[in-house]
């Protein structure tokens, strides 16, 4: 259990850092990575998607479905905003599976 707290703590710290990056890059479509093709905002969204999904996975492994669903919803929202279709579909799949395994209804999520 202590190991889980440490892992989630590190992921939460990473999320805080990328949330700061996200807030700095929001609305700055002309801020691109070194390759000149990827928006810094899209990159921060994809990183937040991965972090939120990792946190959700850890909560799910501990049978904390409510927390897992909350983070999966965040992951979905960021992947959709970042316009990464692969991450969006993966987020929806995880969200649907977790919702199916829990006692929550559709109206609970939205």
PDB file of N, CA and C in Angstrom:
ATOM      1  N   UNK A   1       0.823  -1.194   0.000  1.00  0.00           N
ATOM      2  CA  UNK A   1       0.000   0.000   0.000  1.00  0.00           C
ATOM      3  C   UNK A   1       0.867   1.259   0.000  1.00  0.00           C
ATOM      4  N   UNK A   2       1.943   1.244   0.783  1.00  0.00           N
ATOM      5  CA  UNK A   2       2.840   2.400   0.818  1.00  0.00           C
ATOM      6  C   UNK A   2       3.447   2.638  -0.555  1.00  0.00           C
ATOM      7  N   UNK A   3       3.750   1.543  -1.251  1.00  0.00           N
ATOM      8  CA  UNK A   3       4.300   1.655  -2.595  1.00  0.00           C
ATOM      9  C   UNK A   3       3.323   2.377  -3.525  1.00  0.00           C
ATOM     10  N   UNK A   4       2.044   2.064  -3.394  1.00  0.00           N
ATOM     11  CA  UNK A   4       1.016   2.710  -4.208  1.00  0.00           C
ATOM     12  C   UNK A   4       0.961   4.202  -3.922  1.00  0.00           C
ATOM     13  N   UNK A   5       1.043   4.576  -2.661  1.00  0.00           N
ATOM     14  CA  UNK A   5       1.007   5.988  -2.277  1.00  0.00           C
ATOM     15  C   UNK A   5       2.189   6.727  -2.895  1.00  0.00           C
ATOM     16  N   UNK A   6       3.357   6.115  -2.893  1.00  0.00           N
ATOM     17  CA  UNK A   6       4.549   6.737  -3.467  1.00  0.00           C
ATOM     18  C   UNK A   6       4.387   6.908  -4.975  1.00  0.00           C
ATOM     19  N   UNK A   7       3.912   5.857  -5.650  1.00  0.00           N
ATOM     20  CA  UNK A   7       3.732   5.920  -7.110  1.00  0.00           C
ATOM     21  C   UNK A   7       2.715   6.983  -7.477  1.00  0.00           C
ATOM     22  N   UNK A   8       1.565   6.984  -6.811  1.00  0.00           N
ATOM     23  CA  UNK A   8       0.536   7.978  -7.120  1.00  0.00           C
ATOM     24  C   UNK A   8       1.033   9.382  -6.772  1.00  0.00           C
ATOM     25  N   UNK A   9       1.808   9.503  -5.702  1.00  0.00           N
ATOM     26  CA  UNK A   9       2.377  10.803  -5.344  1.00  0.00           C
ATOM     27  C   UNK A   9       3.295  11.342  -6.427  1.00  0.00           C
ATOM     28  N   UNK A  10       4.130  10.468  -6.989  1.00  0.00           N
ATOM     29  CA  UNK A  10       5.036  10.886  -8.068  1.00  0.00           C
ATOM     30  C   UNK A  10       4.251  11.235  -9.337  1.00  0.00           C
ATOM     31  N   UNK A  11       3.235  10.445  -9.635  1.00  0.00           N
ATOM     32  CA  UNK A  11       2.408  10.743 -10.807  1.00  0.00           C
ATOM     33  C   UNK A  11       1.631  12.045 -10.609  1.00  0.00           C
ATOM     34  N   UNK A  12       1.162  12.284  -9.403  1.00  0.00           N
ATOM     35  CA  UNK A  12       0.442  13.531  -9.112  1.00  0.00           C
ATOM     36  C   UNK A  12       1.380  14.728  -9.250  1.00  0.00           C
ATOM     37  N   UNK A  13       2.622  14.557  -8.835  1.00  0.00           N
ATOM     38  CA  UNK A  13       3.611  15.629  -8.983  1.00  0.00           C
ATOM     39  C   UNK A  13       3.882  15.897 -10.469  1.00  0.00           C
ATOM     40  N   UNK A  14       3.988  14.836 -11.254  1.00  0.00           N
ATOM     41  CA  UNK A  14       4.178  14.995 -12.701  1.00  0.00           C
ATOM     42  C   UNK A  14       2.961  15.681 -13.323  1.00  0.00           C
ATOM     43  N   UNK A  15       1.767  15.297 -12.872  1.00  0.00           N
ATOM     44  CA  UNK A  15       0.538  15.924 -13.377  1.00  0.00           C
ATOM     45  C   UNK A  15       0.532  17.414 -13.063  1.00  0.00           C
ATOM     46  N   UNK A  16       0.942  17.779 -11.853  1.00  0.00           N
ATOM     47  CA  UNK A  16       1.002  19.201 -11.482  1.00  0.00           C
ATOM     48  C   UNK A  16       1.917  19.968 -12.433  1.00  0.00           C
ATOM     49  N   UNK A  17       3.077  19.393 -12.751  1.00  0.00           N
ATOM     50  CA  UNK A  17       4.022  20.053 -13.653  1.00  0.00           C
ATOM     51  C   UNK A  17       3.441  20.203 -15.060  1.00  0.00           C
ATOM     52  N   UNK A  18       2.802  19.156 -15.563  1.00  0.00           N
ATOM     53  CA  UNK A  18       2.231  19.243 -16.902  1.00  0.00           C
ATOM     54  C   UNK A  18       0.972  20.085 -16.940  1.00  0.00           C
ATOM     55  N   UNK A  19       0.251  20.184 -15.822  1.00  0.00           N
ATOM     56  CA  UNK A  19      -0.892  21.093 -15.768  1.00  0.00           C
ATOM     57  C   UNK A  19      -0.412  22.541 -15.870  1.00  0.00           C
ATOM     58  N   UNK A  20       0.737  22.825 -15.288  1.00  0.00           N
ATOM     59  CA  UNK A  20       1.331  24.156 -15.429  1.00  0.00           C
ATOM     60  C   UNK A  20       1.721  24.394 -16.891  1.00  0.00           C
ATOM     61  N   UNK A  21       2.359  23.410 -17.498  1.00  0.00           N
ATOM     62  CA  UNK A  21       2.719  23.509 -18.921  1.00  0.00           C
ATOM     63  C   UNK A  21       1.462  23.693 -19.769  1.00  0.00           C
ATOM     64  N   UNK A  22       0.433  22.933 -19.450  1.00  0.00           N
ATOM     65  CA  UNK A  22      -0.846  23.027 -20.163  1.00  0.00           C
ATOM     66  C   UNK A  22      -1.415  24.443 -20.078  1.00  0.00           C
ATOM     67  N   UNK A  23      -1.418  25.002 -18.877  1.00  0.00           N
ATOM     68  CA  UNK A  23      -1.992  26.344 -18.707  1.00  0.00           C
ATOM     69  C   UNK A  23      -1.157  27.407 -19.431  1.00  0.00           C
ATOM     70  N   UNK A  24       0.153  27.212 -19.493  1.00  0.00           N
ATOM     71  CA  UNK A  24       1.016  28.164 -20.195  1.00  0.00           C
ATOM     72  C   UNK A  24       0.847  28.098 -21.709  1.00  0.00           C
ATOM     73  N   UNK A  25       0.538  26.916 -22.235  1.00  0.00           N
ATOM     74  CA  UNK A  25       0.468  26.738 -23.684  1.00  0.00           C
ATOM     75  C   UNK A  25      -0.947  26.833 -24.245  1.00  0.00           C
ATOM     76  N   UNK A  26      -1.937  26.863 -23.384  1.00  0.00           N
ATOM     77  CA  UNK A  26      -3.321  26.917 -23.869  1.00  0.00           C
ATOM     78  C   UNK A  26      -3.529  28.196 -24.681  1.00  0.00           C
ATOM     79  N   UNK A  27      -4.053  28.026 -25.881  1.00  0.00           N
ATOM     80  CA  UNK A  27      -4.301  29.175 -26.748  1.00  0.00           C
ATOM     81  C   UNK A  27      -3.087  29.641 -27.521  1.00  0.00           C
ATOM     82  N   UNK A  28      -1.989  28.949 -27.409  1.00  0.00           N
ATOM     83  CA  UNK A  28      -0.754  29.328 -28.107  1.00  0.00           C
ATOM     84  C   UNK A  28      -0.444  28.298 -29.192  1.00  0.00           C
ATOM     85  N   UNK A  29      -1.282  28.234 -30.199  1.00  0.00           N
ATOM     86  CA  UNK A  29      -1.138  27.242 -31.272  1.00  0.00           C
ATOM     87  C   UNK A  29       0.170  27.403 -32.040  1.00  0.00           C
ATOM     88  N   UNK A  30       0.755  28.582 -32.001  1.00  0.00           N
ATOM     89  CA  UNK A  30       1.996  28.824 -32.742  1.00  0.00           C
ATOM     90  C   UNK A  30       3.244  28.392 -31.962  1.00  0.00           C
ATOM     91  N   UNK A  31       3.080  27.929 -30.717  1.00  0.00           N
ATOM     92  CA  UNK A  31       4.209  27.419 -29.947  1.00  0.00           C
ATOM     93  C   UNK A  31       4.420  25.965 -30.353  1.00  0.00           C
ATOM     94  N   UNK A  32       5.500  25.707 -31.063  1.00  0.00           N
ATOM     95  CA  UNK A  32       5.761  24.377 -31.602  1.00  0.00           C
ATOM     96  C   UNK A  32       7.002  23.765 -30.973  1.00  0.00           C
ATOM     97  N   UNK A  33       7.076  22.432 -31.033  1.00  0.00           N
ATOM     98  CA  UNK A  33       8.257  21.726 -30.556  1.00  0.00           C
ATOM     99  C   UNK A  33       9.386  21.915 -31.565  1.00  0.00           C
ATOM    100  N   UNK A  34      10.543  21.365 -31.269  1.00  0.00           N
ATOM    101  CA  UNK A  34      11.720  21.543 -32.125  1.00  0.00           C
ATOM    102  C   UNK A  34      11.498  21.013 -33.541  1.00  0.00           C
ATOM    103  N   UNK A  35      10.628  20.027 -33.688  1.00  0.00           N
ATOM    104  CA  UNK A  35      10.378  19.490 -35.040  1.00  0.00           C
ATOM    105  C   UNK A  35       9.555  20.449 -35.893  1.00  0.00           C
ATOM    106  N   UNK A  36       8.963  21.464 -35.262  1.00  0.00           N
ATOM    107  CA  UNK A  36       8.198  22.463 -35.985  1.00  0.00           C
ATOM    108  C   UNK A  36       6.815  22.013 -36.413  1.00  0.00           C
ATOM    109  N   UNK A  37       6.424  20.810 -36.029  1.00  0.00           N
ATOM    110  CA  UNK A  37       5.136  20.275 -36.456  1.00  0.00           C
ATOM    111  C   UNK A  37       4.155  20.035 -35.311  1.00  0.00           C
ATOM    112  N   UNK A  38       4.667  19.844 -34.121  1.00  0.00           N
ATOM    113  CA  UNK A  38       3.820  19.485 -32.986  1.00  0.00           C
ATOM    114  C   UNK A  38       3.605  20.696 -32.084  1.00  0.00           C
ATOM    115  N   UNK A  39       2.367  20.969 -31.784  1.00  0.00           N
ATOM    116  CA  UNK A  39       2.020  22.064 -30.884  1.00  0.00           C
ATOM    117  C   UNK A  39       2.412  21.703 -29.449  1.00  0.00           C
ATOM    118  N   UNK A  40       2.991  22.643 -28.743  1.00  0.00           N
ATOM    119  CA  UNK A  40       3.348  22.416 -27.335  1.00  0.00           C
ATOM    120  C   UNK A  40       2.095  22.119 -26.518  1.00  0.00           C
ATOM    121  N   UNK A  41       0.987  22.741 -26.888  1.00  0.00           N
ATOM    122  CA  UNK A  41      -0.267  22.496 -26.168  1.00  0.00           C
ATOM    123  C   UNK A  41      -0.734  21.060 -26.381  1.00  0.00           C
ATOM    124  N   UNK A  42      -0.675  20.578 -27.608  1.00  0.00           N
ATOM    125  CA  UNK A  42      -1.053  19.193 -27.889  1.00  0.00           C
ATOM    126  C   UNK A  42      -0.145  18.219 -27.153  1.00  0.00           C
ATOM    127  N   UNK A  43       1.129  18.550 -27.082  1.00  0.00           N
ATOM    128  CA  UNK A  43       2.089  17.711 -26.371  1.00  0.00           C
ATOM    129  C   UNK A  43       1.765  17.660 -24.874  1.00  0.00           C
ATOM    130  N   UNK A  44       1.419  18.806 -24.290  1.00  0.00           N
ATOM    131  CA  UNK A  44       1.073  18.804 -22.861  1.00  0.00           C
ATOM    132  C   UNK A  44      -0.216  18.018 -22.633  1.00  0.00           C
ATOM    133  N   UNK A  45      -1.161  18.100 -23.557  1.00  0.00           N
ATOM    134  CA  UNK A  45      -2.401  17.318 -23.442  1.00  0.00           C
ATOM    135  C   UNK A  45      -2.112  15.821 -23.501  1.00  0.00           C
ATOM    136  N   UNK A  46      -1.223  15.414 -24.411  1.00  0.00           N
ATOM    137  CA  UNK A  46      -0.919  13.982 -24.531  1.00  0.00           C
ATOM    138  C   UNK A  46      -0.196  13.466 -23.286  1.00  0.00           C
ATOM    139  N   UNK A  47       0.693  14.281 -22.736  1.00  0.00           N
ATOM    140  CA  UNK A  47       1.381  13.859 -21.515  1.00  0.00           C
ATOM    141  C   UNK A  47       0.421  13.772 -20.334  1.00  0.00           C
ATOM    142  N   UNK A  48      -0.488  14.729 -20.229  1.00  0.00           N
ATOM    143  CA  UNK A  48      -1.495  14.656 -19.164  1.00  0.00           C
ATOM    144  C   UNK A  48      -2.394  13.440 -19.349  1.00  0.00           C
ATOM    145  N   UNK A  49      -2.727  13.121 -20.590  1.00  0.00           N
ATOM    146  CA  UNK A  49      -3.542  11.931 -20.862  1.00  0.00           C
ATOM    147  C   UNK A  49      -2.847  10.684 -20.338  1.00  0.00           C
ATOM    148  N   UNK A  50      -1.569  10.543 -20.633  1.00  0.00           N
ATOM    149  CA  UNK A  50      -0.821   9.360 -20.173  1.00  0.00           C
ATOM    150  C   UNK A  50      -0.715   9.319 -18.654  1.00  0.00           C
ATOM    151  N   UNK A  51      -0.463  10.472 -18.040  1.00  0.00           N
ATOM    152  CA  UNK A  51      -0.332  10.509 -16.583  1.00  0.00           C
ATOM    153  C   UNK A  51      -1.660  10.183 -15.914  1.00  0.00           C
ATOM    154  N   UNK A  52      -2.738  10.805 -16.379  1.00  0.00           N
ATOM    155  CA  UNK A  52      -4.056  10.542 -15.793  1.00  0.00           C
ATOM    156  C   UNK A  52      -4.453   9.074 -15.964  1.00  0.00           C
ATOM    157  N   UNK A  53      -4.124   8.498 -17.124  1.00  0.00           N
ATOM    158  CA  UNK A  53      -4.436   7.093 -17.358  1.00  0.00           C
ATOM    159  C   UNK A  53      -3.631   6.197 -16.412  1.00  0.00           C
ATOM    160  N   UNK A  54      -2.383   6.538 -16.180  1.00  0.00           N
ATOM    161  CA  UNK A  54      -1.558   5.764 -15.242  1.00  0.00           C
ATOM    162  C   UNK A  54      -2.109   5.840 -13.826  1.00  0.00           C
ATOM    163  N   UNK A  55      -2.504   7.026 -13.402  1.00  0.00           N
ATOM    164  CA  UNK A  55      -3.090   7.179 -12.074  1.00  0.00           C
ATOM    165  C   UNK A  55      -4.374   6.352 -11.977  1.00  0.00           C
ATOM    166  N   UNK A  56      -5.206   6.424 -13.008  1.00  0.00           N
ATOM    167  CA  UNK A  56      -6.463   5.663 -13.025  1.00  0.00           C
ATOM    168  C   UNK A  56      -6.191   4.164 -12.925  1.00  0.00           C
ATOM    169  N   UNK A  57      -5.175   3.701 -13.626  1.00  0.00           N
ATOM    170  CA  UNK A  57      -4.823   2.280 -13.589  1.00  0.00           C
ATOM    171  C   UNK A  57      -4.436   1.849 -12.180  1.00  0.00           C
ATOM    172  N   UNK A  58      -3.646   2.668 -11.511  1.00  0.00           N
ATOM    173  CA  UNK A  58      -3.241   2.331 -10.140  1.00  0.00           C
ATOM    174  C   UNK A  58      -4.443   2.300  -9.200  1.00  0.00           C
ATOM    175  N   UNK A  59      -5.339   3.253  -9.355  1.00  0.00           N
ATOM    176  CA  UNK A  59      -6.550   3.246  -8.522  1.00  0.00           C
ATOM    177  C   UNK A  59      -7.418   2.032  -8.835  1.00  0.00           C
ATOM    178  N   UNK A  60      -7.523   1.685 -10.090  1.00  0.00           N
ATOM    179  CA  UNK A  60      -8.333   0.541 -10.494  1.00  0.00           C
ATOM    180  C   UNK A  60      -7.773  -0.759  -9.906  1.00  0.00           C
ATOM    181  N   UNK A  61      -6.461  -0.883  -9.893  1.00  0.00           N
ATOM    182  CA  UNK A  61      -5.822  -2.070  -9.315  1.00  0.00           C
ATOM    183  C   UNK A  61      -6.113  -2.203  -7.822  1.00  0.00           C
ATOM    184  N   UNK A  62      -6.416  -1.087  -7.182  1.00  0.00           N
ATOM    185  CA  UNK A  62      -6.752  -1.104  -5.761  1.00  0.00           C
ATOM    186  C   UNK A  62      -8.265  -1.110  -5.532  1.00  0.00           C
ATOM    187  N   UNK A  63      -9.009  -1.357  -6.605  1.00  0.00           N
ATOM    188  CA  UNK A  63     -10.480  -1.417  -6.557  1.00  0.00           C
ATOM    189  C   UNK A  63     -11.123  -0.109  -6.117  1.00  0.00           C
ATOM    190  N   UNK A  64     -10.475   0.999  -6.403  1.00  0.00           N
ATOM    191  CA  UNK A  64     -11.050   2.320  -6.147  1.00  0.00           C
ATOM    192  C   UNK A  64     -11.585   2.835  -7.483  1.00  0.00           C
ATOM    193  N   UNK A  65     -12.750   2.310  -7.873  1.00  0.00           N
ATOM    194  CA  UNK A  65     -13.303   2.611  -9.190  1.00  0.00           C
ATOM    195  C   UNK A  65     -13.718   4.071  -9.336  1.00  0.00           C
ATOM    196  N   UNK A  66     -14.175   4.686  -8.262  1.00  0.00           N
ATOM    197  CA  UNK A  66     -14.610   6.086  -8.346  1.00  0.00           C
ATOM    198  C   UNK A  66     -13.441   6.990  -8.728  1.00  0.00           C
ATOM    199  N   UNK A  67     -12.312   6.838  -8.044  1.00  0.00           N
ATOM    200  CA  UNK A  67     -11.134   7.652  -8.372  1.00  0.00           C
ATOM    201  C   UNK A  67     -10.622   7.324  -9.767  1.00  0.00           C
ATOM    202  N   UNK A  68     -10.646   6.036 -10.111  1.00  0.00           N
ATOM    203  CA  UNK A  68     -10.206   5.621 -11.437  1.00  0.00           C
ATOM    204  C   UNK A  68     -11.045   6.283 -12.522  1.00  0.00           C
ATOM    205  N   UNK A  69     -12.353   6.280 -12.350  1.00  0.00           N
ATOM    206  CA  UNK A  69     -13.236   6.916 -13.337  1.00  0.00           C
ATOM    207  C   UNK A  69     -12.974   8.413 -13.446  1.00  0.00           C
ATOM    208  N   UNK A  70     -12.737   9.072 -12.320  1.00  0.00           N
ATOM    209  CA  UNK A  70     -12.472  10.510 -12.355  1.00  0.00           C
ATOM    210  C   UNK A  70     -11.233  10.812 -13.195  1.00  0.00           C
ATOM    211  N   UNK A  71     -10.175  10.023 -13.014  1.00  0.00           N
ATOM    212  CA  UNK A  71      -8.955  10.258 -13.779  1.00  0.00           C
ATOM    213  C   UNK A  71      -9.099   9.849 -15.242  1.00  0.00           C
ATOM    214  N   UNK A  72      -9.880   8.813 -15.507  1.00  0.00           N
ATOM    215  CA  UNK A  72     -10.112   8.431 -16.899  1.00  0.00           C
ATOM    216  C   UNK A  72     -10.908   9.496 -17.647  1.00  0.00           C
ATOM    217  N   UNK A  73     -11.841  10.134 -16.968  1.00  0.00           N
ATOM    218  CA  UNK A  73     -12.591  11.233 -17.592  1.00  0.00           C
ATOM    219  C   UNK A  73     -11.644  12.388 -17.902  1.00  0.00           C
ATOM    220  N   UNK A  74     -10.752  12.694 -16.968  1.00  0.00           N
ATOM    221  CA  UNK A  74      -9.756  13.747 -17.230  1.00  0.00           C
ATOM    222  C   UNK A  74      -8.878  13.375 -18.426  1.00  0.00           C
ATOM    223  N   UNK A  75      -8.443  12.109 -18.470  1.00  0.00           N
ATOM    224  CA  UNK A  75      -7.594  11.650 -19.579  1.00  0.00           C
ATOM    225  C   UNK A  75      -8.321  11.797 -20.908  1.00  0.00           C
ATOM    226  N   UNK A  76      -9.583  11.404 -20.925  1.00  0.00           N
ATOM    227  CA  UNK A  76     -10.371  11.518 -22.157  1.00  0.00           C
ATOM    228  C   UNK A  76     -10.480  12.981 -22.594  1.00  0.00           C
ATOM    229  N   UNK A  77     -10.791  13.864 -21.659  1.00  0.00           N
ATOM    230  CA  UNK A  77     -10.955  15.276 -21.995  1.00  0.00           C
ATOM    231  C   UNK A  77      -9.664  15.869 -22.562  1.00  0.00           C
ATOM    232  N   UNK A  78      -8.540  15.522 -21.961  1.00  0.00           N
ATOM    233  CA  UNK A  78      -7.259  16.059 -22.455  1.00  0.00           C
ATOM    234  C   UNK A  78      -6.886  15.460 -23.805  1.00  0.00           C
ATOM    235  N   UNK A  79      -7.150  14.172 -23.990  1.00  0.00           N
ATOM    236  CA  UNK A  79      -6.814  13.560 -25.281  1.00  0.00           C
ATOM    237  C   UNK A  79      -7.671  14.146 -26.393  1.00  0.00           C
ATOM    238  N   UNK A  80      -8.921  14.425 -26.082  1.00  0.00           N
ATOM    239  CA  UNK A  80      -9.813  15.029 -27.068  1.00  0.00           C
ATOM    240  C   UNK A  80      -9.345  16.450 -27.411  1.00  0.00           C
ATOM    241  N   UNK A  81      -8.969  17.197 -26.391  1.00  0.00           N
ATOM    242  CA  UNK A  81      -8.489  18.566 -26.620  1.00  0.00           C
ATOM    243  C   UNK A  81      -7.183  18.576 -27.402  1.00  0.00           C
ATOM    244  N   UNK A  82      -6.306  17.619 -27.105  1.00  0.00           N
ATOM    245  CA  UNK A  82      -5.017  17.545 -27.800  1.00  0.00           C
ATOM    246  C   UNK A  82      -5.117  16.988 -29.205  1.00  0.00           C
ATOM    247  N   UNK A  83      -6.291  16.500 -29.566  1.00  0.00           N
ATOM    248  CA  UNK A  83      -6.581  15.994 -30.907  1.00  0.00           C
ATOM    249  C   UNK A  83      -5.711  14.799 -31.285  1.00  0.00           C
ATOM    250  N   UNK A  84      -5.457  13.937 -30.305  1.00  0.00           N
ATOM    251  CA  UNK A  84      -4.766  12.682 -30.567  1.00  0.00           C
ATOM    252  C   UNK A  84      -5.811  11.584 -30.618  1.00  0.00           C
ATOM    253  N   UNK A  85      -6.148  11.144 -31.809  1.00  0.00           N
ATOM    254  CA  UNK A  85      -7.226  10.168 -31.976  1.00  0.00           C
ATOM    255  C   UNK A  85      -6.911   8.841 -31.299  1.00  0.00           C
ATOM    256  N   UNK A  86      -5.645   8.416 -31.332  1.00  0.00           N
ATOM    257  CA  UNK A  86      -5.285   7.151 -30.703  1.00  0.00           C
ATOM    258  C   UNK A  86      -5.503   7.227 -29.193  1.00  0.00           C
ATOM    259  N   UNK A  87      -5.028   8.306 -28.566  1.00  0.00           N
ATOM    260  CA  UNK A  87      -5.211   8.462 -27.120  1.00  0.00           C
ATOM    261  C   UNK A  87      -6.688   8.596 -26.773  1.00  0.00           C
ATOM    262  N   UNK A  88      -7.439   9.293 -27.619  1.00  0.00           N
ATOM    263  CA  UNK A  88      -8.869   9.469 -27.362  1.00  0.00           C
ATOM    264  C   UNK A  88      -9.578   8.122 -27.385  1.00  0.00           C
ATOM    265  N   UNK A  89      -9.277   7.295 -28.373  1.00  0.00           N
ATOM    266  CA  UNK A  89      -9.939   5.985 -28.450  1.00  0.00           C
ATOM    267  C   UNK A  89      -9.498   5.087 -27.300  1.00  0.00           C
ATOM    268  N   UNK A  90      -8.229   5.144 -26.920  1.00  0.00           N
ATOM    269  CA  UNK A  90      -7.761   4.352 -25.784  1.00  0.00           C
ATOM    270  C   UNK A  90      -8.425   4.822 -24.491  1.00  0.00           C
ATOM    271  N   UNK A  91      -8.566   6.127 -24.339  1.00  0.00           N
ATOM    272  CA  UNK A  91      -9.211   6.674 -23.142  1.00  0.00           C
ATOM    273  C   UNK A  91     -10.665   6.239 -23.061  1.00  0.00           C
ATOM    274  N   UNK A  92     -11.362   6.295 -24.195  1.00  0.00           N
ATOM    275  CA  UNK A  92     -12.766   5.865 -24.220  1.00  0.00           C
ATOM    276  C   UNK A  92     -12.908   4.379 -23.905  1.00  0.00           C
ATOM    277  N   UNK A  93     -11.995   3.575 -24.440  1.00  0.00           N
ATOM    278  CA  UNK A  93     -12.029   2.141 -24.166  1.00  0.00           C
ATOM    279  C   UNK A  93     -11.821   1.874 -22.683  1.00  0.00           C
ATOM    280  N   UNK A  94     -10.831   2.504 -22.090  1.00  0.00           N
ATOM    281  CA  UNK A  94     -10.568   2.328 -20.656  1.00  0.00           C
ATOM    282  C   UNK A  94     -11.737   2.832 -19.817  1.00  0.00           C
ATOM    283  N   UNK A  95     -12.272   3.959 -20.205  1.00  0.00           N
ATOM    284  CA  UNK A  95     -13.405   4.539 -19.483  1.00  0.00           C
ATOM    285  C   UNK A  95     -14.614   3.607 -19.543  1.00  0.00           C
ATOM    286  N   UNK A  96     -14.892   3.088 -20.722  1.00  0.00           N
ATOM    287  CA  UNK A  96     -16.021   2.174 -20.875  1.00  0.00           C
ATOM    288  C   UNK A  96     -15.839   0.898 -20.086  1.00  0.00           C
ATOM    289  N   UNK A  97     -14.631   0.340 -20.120  1.00  0.00           N
ATOM    290  CA  UNK A  97     -14.367  -0.894 -19.386  1.00  0.00           C
ATOM    291  C   UNK A  97     -14.496  -0.681 -17.878  1.00  0.00           C
ATOM    292  N   UNK A  98     -13.909   0.397 -17.390  1.00  0.00           N
ATOM    293  CA  UNK A  98     -13.975   0.682 -15.956  1.00  0.00           C
ATOM    294  C   UNK A  98     -15.404   0.947 -15.527  1.00  0.00           C
ATOM    295  N   UNK A  99     -16.142   1.671 -16.356  1.00  0.00           N
ATOM    296  CA  UNK A  99     -17.542   1.945 -16.046  1.00  0.00           C
ATOM    297  C   UNK A  99     -18.352   0.652 -16.016  1.00  0.00           C
ATOM    298  N   UNK A 100     -18.071  -0.245 -16.945  1.00  0.00           N
ATOM    299  CA  UNK A 100     -18.780  -1.520 -16.994  1.00  0.00           C
ATOM    300  C   UNK A 100     -18.498  -2.355 -15.739  1.00  0.00           C
ATOM    301  N   UNK A 101     -17.269  -2.276 -15.240  1.00  0.00           N
ATOM    302  CA  UNK A 101     -16.872  -3.073 -14.075  1.00  0.00           C
ATOM    303  C   UNK A 101     -17.309  -2.444 -12.755  1.00  0.00           C
ATOM    304  N   UNK A 102     -17.786  -1.225 -12.811  1.00  0.00           N
ATOM    305  CA  UNK A 102     -18.205  -0.553 -11.581  1.00  0.00           C
ATOM    306  C   UNK A 102     -19.723  -0.485 -11.521  1.00  0.00           C
ATOM    307  N   UNK A 103     -20.225   0.113 -10.485  1.00  0.00           N
ATOM    308  CA  UNK A 103     -21.669   0.222 -10.299  1.00  0.00           C
ATOM    309  C   UNK A 103     -22.218   1.567 -10.757  1.00  0.00           C
ATOM    310  N   UNK A 104     -21.394   2.358 -11.445  1.00  0.00           N
ATOM    311  CA  UNK A 104     -21.833   3.686 -11.868  1.00  0.00           C
ATOM    312  C   UNK A 104     -22.665   3.606 -13.128  1.00  0.00           C
ATOM    313  N   UNK A 105     -23.591   4.521 -13.237  1.00  0.00           N
ATOM    314  CA  UNK A 105     -24.413   4.590 -14.434  1.00  0.00           C
ATOM    315  C   UNK A 105     -23.883   5.669 -15.357  1.00  0.00           C
ATOM    316  N   UNK A 106     -24.388   5.705 -16.559  1.00  0.00           N
ATOM    317  CA  UNK A 106     -23.948   6.712 -17.538  1.00  0.00           C
ATOM    318  C   UNK A 106     -24.160   8.121 -16.991  1.00  0.00           C
ATOM    319  N   UNK A 107     -25.277   8.362 -16.335  1.00  0.00           N
ATOM    320  CA  UNK A 107     -25.564   9.708 -15.830  1.00  0.00           C
ATOM    321  C   UNK A 107     -24.584  10.121 -14.736  1.00  0.00           C
ATOM    322  N   UNK A 108     -23.989   9.167 -14.053  1.00  0.00           N
ATOM    323  CA  UNK A 108     -23.008   9.484 -13.014  1.00  0.00           C
ATOM    324  C   UNK A 108     -21.762  10.106 -13.626  1.00  0.00           C
ATOM    325  N   UNK A 109     -21.377   9.604 -14.804  1.00  0.00           N
ATOM    326  CA  UNK A 109     -20.150  10.073 -15.430  1.00  0.00           C
ATOM    327  C   UNK A 109     -20.275  11.461 -16.030  1.00  0.00           C
ATOM    328  N   UNK A 110     -21.404  11.766 -16.598  1.00  0.00           N
ATOM    329  CA  UNK A 110     -21.542  13.019 -17.322  1.00  0.00           C
ATOM    330  C   UNK A 110     -22.545  13.876 -16.631  1.00  0.00           C
TER     331      UNK A 110
END
